[in-house]
N, C-alpha and C. Protein backbone atom coordinates (compact mmCIF):
# COMPACT_ATOMS: atom_id res chain seq x y z
N MET A 1 172.83 -44.67 230.16
CA MET A 1 173.34 -43.68 231.23
C MET A 1 174.53 -43.25 230.66
N LYS A 2 174.59 -41.79 230.83
CA LYS A 2 175.65 -40.97 230.56
C LYS A 2 176.53 -40.77 231.76
N LEU A 3 177.68 -41.21 231.82
CA LEU A 3 178.57 -41.21 232.83
C LEU A 3 179.61 -40.15 232.65
N THR A 4 179.95 -39.51 233.85
CA THR A 4 181.21 -38.64 233.56
C THR A 4 182.01 -39.18 234.77
N ILE A 5 183.27 -39.49 234.50
CA ILE A 5 184.09 -40.09 235.50
C ILE A 5 185.33 -39.24 235.70
N ARG A 6 185.62 -38.96 236.79
CA ARG A 6 186.79 -38.12 237.33
C ARG A 6 187.49 -38.63 238.21
N GLY A 7 188.83 -38.47 238.36
CA GLY A 7 189.72 -38.96 239.15
C GLY A 7 190.32 -37.86 240.00
N LYS A 8 190.52 -38.13 241.29
CA LYS A 8 191.27 -37.09 242.14
C LYS A 8 192.18 -37.88 242.98
N ASN A 9 193.61 -37.42 242.73
CA ASN A 9 194.77 -38.22 243.13
C ASN A 9 194.86 -39.55 242.73
N ILE A 10 194.20 -39.96 241.60
CA ILE A 10 194.34 -41.24 241.04
C ILE A 10 194.25 -41.08 239.51
N GLU A 11 194.93 -41.98 238.79
CA GLU A 11 194.86 -42.19 237.21
C GLU A 11 193.83 -43.07 237.19
N ILE A 12 192.65 -42.66 236.21
CA ILE A 12 191.70 -43.59 235.74
C ILE A 12 192.24 -44.60 234.65
N THR A 13 192.54 -45.68 234.90
CA THR A 13 192.91 -46.70 234.03
C THR A 13 191.66 -47.09 233.22
N ASP A 14 192.00 -47.65 231.97
CA ASP A 14 190.92 -48.31 231.16
C ASP A 14 190.01 -49.31 231.88
N ALA A 15 190.73 -50.35 232.64
CA ALA A 15 190.16 -51.26 233.50
C ALA A 15 189.27 -50.66 234.42
N LEU A 16 189.70 -49.81 235.13
CA LEU A 16 188.92 -49.03 236.09
C LEU A 16 187.63 -48.33 235.67
N ARG A 17 187.90 -47.80 234.46
CA ARG A 17 186.78 -46.99 233.77
C ARG A 17 185.78 -48.16 233.17
N GLU A 18 186.19 -49.23 232.84
CA GLU A 18 185.21 -50.23 232.15
C GLU A 18 184.29 -50.73 233.30
N TYR A 19 185.19 -50.91 234.63
CA TYR A 19 184.60 -51.45 235.86
C TYR A 19 183.37 -50.53 236.29
N VAL A 20 183.86 -49.21 236.31
CA VAL A 20 182.71 -48.10 236.79
C VAL A 20 181.53 -48.14 235.90
N GLN A 21 181.71 -48.17 234.37
CA GLN A 21 180.76 -48.31 233.67
C GLN A 21 179.86 -49.30 233.66
N LYS A 22 180.45 -50.62 233.94
CA LYS A 22 179.70 -51.77 233.98
C LYS A 22 178.85 -51.75 235.15
N ARG A 23 179.42 -51.39 236.42
CA ARG A 23 178.83 -51.61 237.74
C ARG A 23 177.89 -50.40 238.05
N ILE A 24 178.22 -49.06 237.78
CA ILE A 24 177.38 -47.90 237.89
C ILE A 24 176.22 -47.74 236.86
N GLY A 25 176.58 -48.45 235.55
CA GLY A 25 175.66 -48.51 234.63
C GLY A 25 174.50 -49.33 234.77
N LYS A 26 174.62 -50.29 235.89
CA LYS A 26 173.78 -51.49 236.27
C LYS A 26 172.43 -50.61 236.80
N ILE A 27 172.57 -49.43 237.25
CA ILE A 27 171.32 -48.76 237.86
C ILE A 27 170.50 -48.23 236.88
N ASP A 28 171.02 -48.11 235.63
CA ASP A 28 170.34 -47.51 234.38
C ASP A 28 168.96 -48.24 234.11
N LYS A 29 169.02 -49.55 234.51
CA LYS A 29 168.15 -50.56 233.95
C LYS A 29 166.69 -50.24 234.84
N TYR A 30 167.01 -49.30 235.83
CA TYR A 30 165.77 -48.98 236.61
C TYR A 30 165.24 -47.97 236.07
N PHE A 31 165.70 -47.29 235.23
CA PHE A 31 165.18 -45.89 234.87
C PHE A 31 164.53 -45.88 233.37
N ALA A 32 163.41 -45.37 233.11
CA ALA A 32 162.78 -45.27 231.73
C ALA A 32 163.69 -44.15 230.84
N ALA A 33 163.70 -43.09 231.55
CA ALA A 33 164.51 -42.13 230.89
C ALA A 33 166.04 -42.16 230.88
N ASP A 34 166.86 -41.47 230.30
CA ASP A 34 168.22 -41.42 230.25
C ASP A 34 168.73 -40.65 231.44
N ALA A 35 169.49 -41.38 232.32
CA ALA A 35 169.97 -40.62 233.43
C ALA A 35 171.51 -40.29 233.27
N ASP A 36 171.80 -39.39 233.93
CA ASP A 36 173.25 -38.69 234.05
C ASP A 36 173.83 -39.07 235.25
N ALA A 37 175.09 -39.44 235.31
CA ALA A 37 175.67 -39.69 236.54
C ALA A 37 177.07 -39.07 236.52
N GLN A 38 177.51 -38.54 237.61
CA GLN A 38 179.10 -38.04 238.06
C GLN A 38 179.45 -38.96 238.88
N VAL A 39 180.66 -39.71 238.55
CA VAL A 39 181.44 -40.46 239.38
C VAL A 39 182.73 -39.78 239.77
N THR A 40 183.00 -39.73 240.99
CA THR A 40 184.30 -39.12 241.18
C THR A 40 185.28 -40.35 242.11
N LEU A 41 186.41 -40.49 241.74
CA LEU A 41 187.27 -41.59 242.26
C LEU A 41 188.21 -40.80 242.79
N SER A 42 188.62 -41.18 244.19
CA SER A 42 189.67 -40.54 244.79
C SER A 42 190.44 -41.33 245.82
N VAL A 43 191.61 -41.10 246.03
CA VAL A 43 192.31 -41.61 246.95
C VAL A 43 192.99 -40.74 248.03
N GLU A 44 192.46 -40.79 249.29
CA GLU A 44 192.84 -39.94 250.25
C GLU A 44 193.25 -40.52 251.69
N ARG A 45 194.43 -40.36 252.16
CA ARG A 45 194.79 -41.05 253.33
C ARG A 45 194.72 -42.47 253.30
N GLY A 46 195.08 -43.17 252.14
CA GLY A 46 194.99 -44.49 252.00
C GLY A 46 193.49 -45.35 251.63
N LEU A 47 192.54 -44.36 251.65
CA LEU A 47 191.30 -44.79 251.59
C LEU A 47 190.84 -44.46 249.97
N HIS A 48 190.18 -45.59 249.44
CA HIS A 48 189.73 -45.32 248.03
C HIS A 48 188.24 -44.96 248.03
N LYS A 49 188.00 -43.71 247.78
CA LYS A 49 186.56 -43.20 247.96
C LYS A 49 185.84 -42.95 246.58
N VAL A 50 184.74 -43.33 246.62
CA VAL A 50 183.77 -43.41 245.16
C VAL A 50 182.82 -42.44 245.59
N GLU A 51 182.44 -41.39 244.82
CA GLU A 51 181.27 -40.63 245.10
C GLU A 51 180.35 -40.51 243.77
N VAL A 52 179.07 -40.88 243.84
CA VAL A 52 178.35 -40.86 242.77
C VAL A 52 177.10 -40.26 243.13
N THR A 53 176.68 -39.19 242.02
CA THR A 53 175.65 -38.36 241.97
C THR A 53 175.05 -38.68 240.62
N ALA A 54 173.70 -39.14 240.68
CA ALA A 54 172.87 -39.44 239.46
C ALA A 54 171.50 -38.64 239.53
N GLY A 55 171.20 -38.16 238.29
CA GLY A 55 170.07 -37.43 238.23
C GLY A 55 169.23 -37.99 237.18
N VAL A 56 167.85 -37.88 237.63
CA VAL A 56 166.89 -38.52 236.65
C VAL A 56 165.56 -37.73 236.77
N ASN A 57 165.23 -36.81 235.75
CA ASN A 57 164.06 -36.05 235.75
C ASN A 57 163.76 -35.38 237.23
N GLY A 58 164.81 -34.57 237.66
CA GLY A 58 164.66 -33.92 238.92
C GLY A 58 165.05 -34.66 240.15
N LEU A 59 164.88 -36.04 240.07
CA LEU A 59 165.17 -36.89 241.20
C LEU A 59 166.98 -37.03 241.27
N LEU A 60 167.42 -36.71 242.51
CA LEU A 60 168.75 -36.86 242.78
C LEU A 60 169.12 -37.93 243.81
N LEU A 61 169.96 -38.72 243.08
CA LEU A 61 170.61 -40.02 243.90
C LEU A 61 171.91 -39.65 244.28
N ARG A 62 172.37 -39.84 245.39
CA ARG A 62 173.74 -39.67 245.79
C ARG A 62 174.30 -40.68 246.72
N ALA A 63 175.53 -41.24 246.56
CA ALA A 63 176.00 -42.18 247.40
C ALA A 63 177.53 -41.92 247.54
N GLU A 64 178.16 -42.31 248.55
CA GLU A 64 179.51 -42.00 248.80
C GLU A 64 180.10 -43.32 249.61
N GLU A 65 181.21 -43.86 249.27
CA GLU A 65 181.73 -45.06 249.90
C GLU A 65 183.28 -44.89 249.88
N ASP A 66 183.88 -45.25 251.11
CA ASP A 66 185.30 -45.37 251.04
C ASP A 66 185.89 -46.63 251.71
N THR A 67 186.79 -47.52 251.17
CA THR A 67 187.31 -48.67 251.63
C THR A 67 188.81 -48.71 251.21
N GLY A 68 189.36 -49.68 251.60
CA GLY A 68 190.69 -49.95 251.32
C GLY A 68 190.86 -50.37 249.84
N ASP A 69 189.95 -50.70 249.20
CA ASP A 69 190.00 -51.18 247.89
C ASP A 69 189.00 -50.61 246.86
N MET A 70 189.55 -49.81 245.82
CA MET A 70 188.62 -48.94 244.90
C MET A 70 187.52 -49.98 244.42
N TYR A 71 187.78 -51.19 243.84
CA TYR A 71 186.59 -51.91 243.44
C TYR A 71 185.47 -52.31 244.26
N ALA A 72 185.88 -52.47 245.65
CA ALA A 72 185.03 -52.77 246.69
C ALA A 72 184.23 -51.35 246.83
N SER A 73 184.89 -50.33 246.93
CA SER A 73 184.04 -49.14 247.17
C SER A 73 183.08 -48.97 246.03
N ILE A 74 183.59 -49.28 244.76
CA ILE A 74 182.42 -49.16 243.61
C ILE A 74 181.27 -50.07 243.94
N ASP A 75 181.43 -51.28 244.23
CA ASP A 75 180.44 -52.20 244.51
C ASP A 75 179.50 -51.79 245.68
N MET A 76 180.15 -51.29 246.66
CA MET A 76 179.22 -50.70 247.80
C MET A 76 178.45 -49.45 247.48
N VAL A 77 178.92 -48.65 246.53
CA VAL A 77 178.15 -47.54 246.08
C VAL A 77 176.94 -48.00 245.40
N VAL A 78 177.21 -49.06 244.50
CA VAL A 78 176.00 -49.46 243.63
C VAL A 78 174.94 -50.05 244.59
N GLU A 79 175.48 -50.63 245.63
CA GLU A 79 174.43 -51.30 246.55
C GLU A 79 173.63 -49.99 247.41
N LYS A 80 174.33 -49.27 247.77
CA LYS A 80 173.74 -48.04 248.36
C LYS A 80 172.78 -47.38 247.46
N LEU A 81 173.17 -47.18 246.28
CA LEU A 81 172.23 -46.48 244.99
C LEU A 81 170.89 -47.36 244.92
N GLU A 82 171.15 -48.85 244.80
CA GLU A 82 170.07 -49.56 244.68
C GLU A 82 168.99 -49.63 246.01
N ARG A 83 169.51 -49.51 247.13
CA ARG A 83 168.76 -49.41 248.38
C ARG A 83 167.90 -47.97 248.21
N GLN A 84 168.71 -47.01 247.77
CA GLN A 84 168.08 -45.65 247.87
C GLN A 84 166.84 -45.76 246.92
N ILE A 85 167.15 -46.35 245.84
CA ILE A 85 166.01 -46.51 244.75
C ILE A 85 164.89 -47.25 245.26
N ALA A 86 165.25 -48.33 245.94
CA ALA A 86 163.99 -49.12 246.61
C ALA A 86 163.36 -48.32 247.64
N LYS A 87 163.98 -47.58 248.37
CA LYS A 87 163.54 -46.67 249.47
C LYS A 87 162.53 -45.72 249.25
N TYR A 88 162.80 -45.07 247.95
CA TYR A 88 162.11 -44.04 247.38
C TYR A 88 161.25 -44.45 246.25
N LYS A 89 161.00 -45.81 246.06
CA LYS A 89 160.45 -46.05 244.81
C LYS A 89 159.06 -45.53 244.68
N THR A 90 158.36 -45.22 245.78
CA THR A 90 156.94 -44.50 245.60
C THR A 90 157.10 -42.99 245.01
N ARG A 91 158.05 -42.41 245.43
CA ARG A 91 158.39 -41.06 244.99
C ARG A 91 158.90 -41.10 243.54
N ILE A 92 159.61 -42.02 243.13
CA ILE A 92 160.27 -42.34 241.98
C ILE A 92 158.96 -42.69 240.90
N ASN A 93 158.06 -43.43 241.49
CA ASN A 93 157.01 -43.83 240.62
C ASN A 93 156.10 -42.59 240.33
N ARG A 94 155.86 -41.61 241.37
CA ARG A 94 155.22 -40.61 240.89
C ARG A 94 155.78 -39.74 239.88
N LYS A 95 157.28 -39.73 239.90
CA LYS A 95 157.94 -38.95 238.80
C LYS A 95 157.86 -39.80 237.67
N SER A 96 157.71 -41.21 237.42
CA SER A 96 157.61 -41.88 236.42
C SER A 96 156.34 -41.65 235.67
N ARG A 97 155.24 -41.30 236.52
CA ARG A 97 153.98 -40.78 235.81
C ARG A 97 154.04 -39.47 235.13
N GLN A 98 154.96 -38.82 235.57
CA GLN A 98 155.22 -37.44 235.02
C GLN A 98 156.16 -37.57 233.71
N GLY A 99 156.58 -38.79 233.35
CA GLY A 99 157.40 -39.06 232.31
C GLY A 99 158.86 -39.51 232.53
N GLY A 100 159.26 -40.51 233.20
CA GLY A 100 160.61 -41.00 233.05
C GLY A 100 161.09 -41.52 234.50
N GLY A 101 160.42 -42.38 235.13
CA GLY A 101 160.85 -42.86 236.31
C GLY A 101 161.53 -44.23 236.28
N ILE A 102 160.93 -45.10 237.10
CA ILE A 102 161.52 -46.42 237.34
C ILE A 102 160.83 -47.38 236.27
N ARG A 103 161.74 -48.41 235.84
CA ARG A 103 161.39 -49.44 234.91
C ARG A 103 161.09 -50.71 235.60
N GLU A 104 162.08 -51.21 236.18
CA GLU A 104 162.07 -52.59 236.67
C GLU A 104 162.08 -52.52 238.42
N LEU A 105 160.76 -52.42 239.04
CA LEU A 105 160.80 -52.31 240.24
C LEU A 105 160.83 -53.74 240.94
N SER A 106 160.43 -54.71 240.31
CA SER A 106 160.54 -56.05 240.67
C SER A 106 161.94 -56.66 241.11
N GLN A 107 162.94 -55.95 240.44
CA GLN A 107 164.36 -56.41 240.69
C GLN A 107 164.90 -55.63 241.84
N LEU A 108 164.22 -54.60 242.58
CA LEU A 108 164.79 -53.91 243.45
C LEU A 108 164.71 -54.87 244.82
N PRO A 109 165.77 -54.73 245.68
CA PRO A 109 165.67 -55.54 246.98
C PRO A 109 164.45 -54.91 247.92
N LYS A 110 163.90 -55.89 248.67
CA LYS A 110 162.85 -55.16 249.64
C LYS A 110 163.41 -54.63 250.73
N VAL A 111 162.82 -53.49 251.19
CA VAL A 111 163.34 -52.54 252.15
C VAL A 111 162.03 -52.47 253.19
N GLU A 112 162.45 -52.97 254.50
CA GLU A 112 161.48 -52.58 255.48
C GLU A 112 161.29 -51.09 255.81
N GLU A 113 159.99 -50.94 256.02
CA GLU A 113 159.66 -49.30 256.34
C GLU A 113 160.18 -49.12 257.70
N GLU A 114 160.62 -48.15 257.94
CA GLU A 114 161.22 -47.60 259.30
C GLU A 114 160.88 -46.19 259.41
N ASP A 115 160.82 -45.92 260.64
CA ASP A 115 160.49 -44.33 261.12
C ASP A 115 161.83 -43.63 260.81
N GLU A 116 161.67 -42.82 259.73
CA GLU A 116 163.14 -42.03 259.33
C GLU A 116 163.42 -41.10 260.47
N PHE A 117 162.46 -40.54 261.17
CA PHE A 117 162.64 -39.50 262.21
C PHE A 117 162.58 -40.08 263.50
N ALA A 118 162.86 -41.23 263.93
CA ALA A 118 162.77 -41.67 265.30
C ALA A 118 164.28 -41.32 265.93
N VAL A 119 164.08 -40.75 267.11
CA VAL A 119 165.39 -40.47 267.97
C VAL A 119 165.89 -41.70 268.46
N SER A 120 167.18 -42.00 268.34
CA SER A 120 167.44 -43.39 268.88
C SER A 120 168.27 -43.02 270.12
N ARG A 121 168.62 -41.81 270.39
CA ARG A 121 169.25 -41.61 271.55
C ARG A 121 169.35 -40.06 271.90
N ARG A 122 169.25 -39.79 273.26
CA ARG A 122 169.08 -38.46 273.72
C ARG A 122 170.61 -38.25 274.56
N LYS A 123 170.89 -36.93 274.64
CA LYS A 123 172.14 -36.77 275.28
C LYS A 123 172.08 -35.35 275.91
N ARG A 124 172.32 -35.18 277.12
CA ARG A 124 172.32 -33.92 277.80
C ARG A 124 173.48 -33.47 278.41
N PHE A 125 174.04 -32.24 278.21
CA PHE A 125 175.32 -31.86 278.76
C PHE A 125 175.27 -30.36 279.07
N GLY A 126 176.15 -30.06 279.92
CA GLY A 126 176.23 -28.64 280.35
C GLY A 126 177.25 -27.99 279.32
N VAL A 127 176.87 -26.83 279.05
CA VAL A 127 177.75 -25.83 278.23
C VAL A 127 178.14 -24.64 278.91
N LYS A 128 179.25 -24.16 278.57
CA LYS A 128 180.00 -23.04 279.40
C LYS A 128 180.27 -21.99 278.11
N PRO A 129 180.11 -20.72 278.32
CA PRO A 129 180.48 -19.90 277.32
C PRO A 129 182.04 -19.92 277.14
N MET A 130 182.21 -19.80 275.80
CA MET A 130 183.65 -19.93 275.33
C MET A 130 183.81 -19.23 274.00
N PRO A 131 184.96 -18.77 273.74
CA PRO A 131 185.12 -18.31 272.27
C PRO A 131 185.09 -19.47 271.24
N VAL A 132 185.00 -19.06 270.01
CA VAL A 132 185.05 -19.93 268.95
C VAL A 132 186.45 -20.89 268.87
N GLU A 133 187.46 -20.21 269.01
CA GLU A 133 188.79 -20.81 269.01
C GLU A 133 188.87 -21.92 270.02
N GLU A 134 188.37 -21.75 271.32
CA GLU A 134 188.40 -22.86 272.33
C GLU A 134 187.45 -23.84 271.81
N ALA A 135 186.32 -23.61 271.50
CA ALA A 135 185.31 -24.63 271.01
C ALA A 135 185.98 -25.43 270.02
N ILE A 136 186.80 -24.93 268.98
CA ILE A 136 187.34 -25.81 268.04
C ILE A 136 188.46 -26.63 268.68
N LEU A 137 189.13 -26.05 269.59
CA LEU A 137 190.15 -27.03 270.51
C LEU A 137 189.56 -28.06 271.09
N GLN A 138 188.26 -27.98 271.81
CA GLN A 138 187.69 -28.91 272.57
C GLN A 138 187.09 -29.83 271.56
N MET A 139 186.46 -29.57 270.47
CA MET A 139 186.23 -30.50 269.34
C MET A 139 187.29 -31.33 268.89
N ASN A 140 188.58 -30.77 268.63
CA ASN A 140 189.62 -31.57 268.32
C ASN A 140 190.09 -32.41 269.22
N LEU A 141 189.99 -31.98 270.59
CA LEU A 141 190.51 -32.87 271.76
C LEU A 141 189.64 -33.96 271.98
N LEU A 142 188.16 -33.96 271.43
CA LEU A 142 187.52 -35.04 271.78
C LEU A 142 187.21 -35.76 270.40
N GLY A 143 188.03 -35.41 269.42
CA GLY A 143 188.05 -36.27 268.13
C GLY A 143 186.56 -36.12 267.41
N HIS A 144 185.88 -35.25 267.70
CA HIS A 144 184.39 -35.17 267.09
C HIS A 144 184.59 -34.09 265.62
N ASP A 145 183.64 -34.45 264.95
CA ASP A 145 183.44 -33.44 263.66
C ASP A 145 182.64 -32.25 264.00
N PHE A 146 181.82 -32.16 265.15
CA PHE A 146 181.33 -30.90 265.51
C PHE A 146 181.32 -30.81 266.98
N TYR A 147 180.92 -29.70 267.27
CA TYR A 147 181.11 -29.36 268.89
C TYR A 147 179.77 -28.03 269.05
N VAL A 148 178.94 -28.35 269.88
CA VAL A 148 177.97 -27.55 270.31
C VAL A 148 178.41 -26.78 271.53
N PHE A 149 178.20 -25.31 271.54
CA PHE A 149 178.77 -24.57 272.81
C PHE A 149 177.97 -23.39 272.84
N ALA A 150 178.18 -22.53 274.00
CA ALA A 150 177.55 -21.29 274.12
C ALA A 150 178.53 -20.33 273.66
N ASN A 151 178.55 -19.51 272.79
CA ASN A 151 179.36 -18.57 272.18
C ASN A 151 179.43 -17.23 272.97
N ALA A 152 180.78 -17.04 273.59
CA ALA A 152 180.92 -16.10 274.69
C ALA A 152 180.96 -14.71 273.80
N GLU A 153 180.98 -14.64 272.68
CA GLU A 153 180.91 -13.16 271.88
C GLU A 153 179.36 -12.89 271.93
N ASN A 154 178.53 -13.72 271.79
CA ASN A 154 177.08 -13.18 271.73
C ASN A 154 175.97 -13.87 272.42
N ASP A 155 176.57 -14.78 273.56
CA ASP A 155 175.68 -15.44 274.35
C ASP A 155 174.74 -16.42 273.78
N GLU A 156 174.92 -16.79 272.68
CA GLU A 156 174.14 -17.70 271.95
C GLU A 156 174.63 -19.21 271.72
N MET A 157 173.76 -20.02 271.40
CA MET A 157 174.06 -21.48 271.22
C MET A 157 174.74 -21.41 269.74
N SER A 158 175.87 -22.11 269.59
CA SER A 158 176.49 -22.19 268.31
C SER A 158 177.08 -23.58 268.14
N VAL A 159 177.45 -23.86 266.73
CA VAL A 159 178.03 -25.19 266.52
C VAL A 159 179.23 -25.11 265.64
N VAL A 160 180.37 -25.30 266.09
CA VAL A 160 181.50 -25.29 265.15
C VAL A 160 181.58 -26.91 264.45
N TYR A 161 182.18 -26.92 263.22
CA TYR A 161 182.22 -28.36 262.46
C TYR A 161 183.43 -28.33 261.72
N ARG A 162 183.87 -29.56 261.43
CA ARG A 162 184.93 -29.72 260.52
C ARG A 162 184.64 -29.95 259.26
N ARG A 163 184.97 -29.24 258.24
CA ARG A 163 184.40 -29.34 256.79
C ARG A 163 185.34 -30.48 256.02
N LYS A 164 184.81 -30.85 254.90
CA LYS A 164 185.66 -31.90 254.18
C LYS A 164 186.82 -31.38 253.67
N ASP A 165 186.88 -30.08 253.54
CA ASP A 165 188.32 -29.44 253.14
C ASP A 165 189.40 -29.33 254.17
N GLY A 166 188.99 -29.71 255.38
CA GLY A 166 189.81 -29.70 256.57
C GLY A 166 189.70 -28.47 257.37
N LYS A 167 188.99 -27.33 256.80
CA LYS A 167 188.78 -26.07 257.46
C LYS A 167 187.53 -26.14 258.29
N TYR A 168 187.18 -25.18 259.19
CA TYR A 168 186.20 -25.37 260.11
C TYR A 168 184.98 -24.32 259.76
N GLY A 169 183.91 -24.62 260.09
CA GLY A 169 182.63 -24.02 259.89
C GLY A 169 181.92 -23.65 261.33
N LEU A 170 181.16 -22.58 261.04
CA LEU A 170 180.35 -22.01 262.47
C LEU A 170 179.08 -21.91 262.02
N ILE A 171 178.30 -22.40 262.71
CA ILE A 171 176.61 -22.25 262.70
C ILE A 171 176.29 -21.41 263.83
N GLU A 172 175.65 -20.29 263.53
CA GLU A 172 175.06 -19.44 264.55
C GLU A 172 173.44 -19.38 264.28
N PRO A 173 172.64 -20.00 264.85
CA PRO A 173 171.27 -20.07 264.71
C PRO A 173 170.65 -18.76 265.06
N THR A 174 169.51 -18.38 264.21
CA THR A 174 168.81 -17.21 264.81
C THR A 174 167.25 -17.70 264.71
N LEU A 175 166.61 -16.96 265.62
CA LEU A 175 165.09 -17.35 265.49
C LEU A 175 164.41 -16.41 264.53
N LYS A 176 163.61 -16.92 263.94
CA LYS A 176 162.82 -16.17 262.87
C LYS A 176 161.53 -15.64 263.51
């Protein structure tokens, strides 16, 4: 597996690099073809975050984990990736028939089939027309990452959300 390891707000030591290569390289045994993986290690607000994006023959695996310990984050990301491989092994097997999918499916953990699109909770709430700035204020007051509101500027339903970079986004749906 070809690994690209990057650090953000952290220096990548030799010990850390070896640990990443050992643990993330573990998923390479599942693939017949060579895989590429980008690993980003970062420290933000005291959390040690690991992001992994691995690509094999058009299949994209992505996992992200953050804990108080970088080594624990790496271990948890590997577990997530293995669960993804197990969950999507039929799709991966289809890719393998096209030339380069999974090698050792027997080593994957058993994953119970679940209804991916089952709605586990419904919530109803009243909305009042408000400007975008007020919606952002309401979202921040509630401590949420998004807020659904009736946009006073165009009388349409809209969503404001907090982006990973700390800025805000606005979603304005339109009917096709």
